[in-house]
């Protein structure tokens, strides 16, 4: 059985060793055949607290770490470069 790998943007890094990642997918409407954006948030285990808000990350499915956390961080694919420090 292969593990699920997803990619998304970090929307919160305020918890210790946990980040919240938002994944955006496009689905086609069954009747009107237009594409609709769907967003879902996942809690991801970040052992070293290295991901920051705005970073694009990849994460993989794993054993349950807590009630809501079933994913762990694989890699940071793109660092967020903002104008000011909003953290």
Protein backbone atom coordinates (compact mmCIF):
# COMPACT_ATOMS: atom_id res chain seq x y z
CA UNK A 1 0.00 0.00 0.00
CA UNK A 2 1.50 3.33 -1.05
CA UNK A 3 1.47 6.35 1.21
CA UNK A 4 -0.39 9.49 0.20
CA UNK A 5 1.85 12.48 -0.63
CA UNK A 6 0.32 15.95 -0.81
CA UNK A 7 1.60 19.47 -1.40
CA UNK A 8 0.28 22.73 -0.01
CA UNK A 9 0.98 26.09 1.64
CA UNK A 10 1.60 26.56 5.36
CA UNK A 11 -1.13 28.79 6.84
CA UNK A 12 -0.12 28.48 10.51
CA UNK A 13 3.07 27.59 12.39
CA UNK A 14 2.07 28.71 15.89
CA UNK A 15 1.92 25.23 17.47
CA UNK A 16 5.02 23.41 18.67
CA UNK A 17 6.15 20.74 16.15
CA UNK A 18 2.90 21.16 14.18
CA UNK A 19 2.04 23.17 11.08
CA UNK A 20 -1.32 23.64 9.37
CA UNK A 21 -1.12 23.18 5.61
CA UNK A 22 -3.85 24.19 3.15
CA UNK A 23 -4.18 22.04 0.02
CA UNK A 24 -6.09 23.41 -2.96
CA UNK A 25 -7.61 21.06 -5.55
CA UNK A 26 -9.66 21.65 -8.68
CA UNK A 27 -12.78 19.57 -9.27
CA UNK A 28 -15.07 19.63 -12.28
CA UNK A 29 -18.73 20.42 -11.65
CA UNK A 30 -20.78 17.40 -12.81
CA UNK A 31 -23.49 19.41 -14.55
CA UNK A 32 -21.91 22.69 -15.66
CA UNK A 33 -18.40 21.31 -16.41
CA UNK A 34 -16.67 24.30 -14.82
CA UNK A 35 -13.73 23.85 -12.47
CA UNK A 36 -14.20 24.74 -8.80
CA UNK A 37 -11.43 25.28 -6.23
CA UNK A 38 -11.71 23.20 -3.09
CA UNK A 39 -9.50 23.83 -0.04
CA UNK A 40 -8.75 21.51 2.86
CA UNK A 41 -6.48 22.00 5.87
CA UNK A 42 -4.23 19.31 7.31
CA UNK A 43 -2.21 19.27 10.52
CA UNK A 44 1.33 18.10 9.75
CA UNK A 45 4.08 17.01 12.16
CA UNK A 46 7.20 19.21 11.80
CA UNK A 47 9.82 17.70 14.14
CA UNK A 48 12.44 20.46 13.75
CA UNK A 49 10.03 23.45 13.55
CA UNK A 50 11.64 24.45 10.24
CA UNK A 51 8.58 25.35 8.11
CA UNK A 52 7.20 28.89 8.34
CA UNK A 53 3.94 30.55 7.30
CA UNK A 54 3.75 30.96 3.52
CA UNK A 55 6.19 28.14 2.67
CA UNK A 56 5.17 25.52 0.10
CA UNK A 57 5.72 22.04 1.54
CA UNK A 58 5.31 18.35 0.70
CA UNK A 59 3.98 15.97 3.35
CA UNK A 60 3.31 12.24 3.60
CA UNK A 61 0.71 10.10 5.32
CA UNK A 62 1.89 8.28 8.47
CA UNK A 63 0.61 6.60 11.62
CA UNK A 64 -1.64 8.75 13.85
CA UNK A 65 0.55 11.06 15.93
CA UNK A 66 -2.36 12.73 17.73
CA UNK A 67 -6.13 13.08 17.37
CA UNK A 68 -5.88 15.31 14.26
CA UNK A 69 -2.31 14.72 13.06
CA UNK A 70 -1.80 11.88 10.54
CA UNK A 71 0.88 13.43 8.29
CA UNK A 72 4.54 14.32 8.63
CA UNK A 73 6.66 16.84 6.77
CA UNK A 74 8.76 15.53 3.87
CA UNK A 75 10.40 18.67 2.52
CA UNK A 76 10.04 22.40 2.06
CA UNK A 77 9.83 22.88 -1.70
CA UNK A 78 9.71 26.69 -1.73
CA UNK A 79 10.51 29.24 0.98
CA UNK A 80 8.20 32.25 1.36
CA UNK A 81 9.89 35.57 0.61
CA UNK A 82 7.75 38.39 1.96
CA UNK A 83 8.27 42.13 2.08
CA UNK A 84 8.24 42.37 5.88
CA UNK A 85 8.56 40.02 8.78
CA UNK A 86 4.96 39.14 9.67
CA UNK A 87 5.89 36.49 12.25
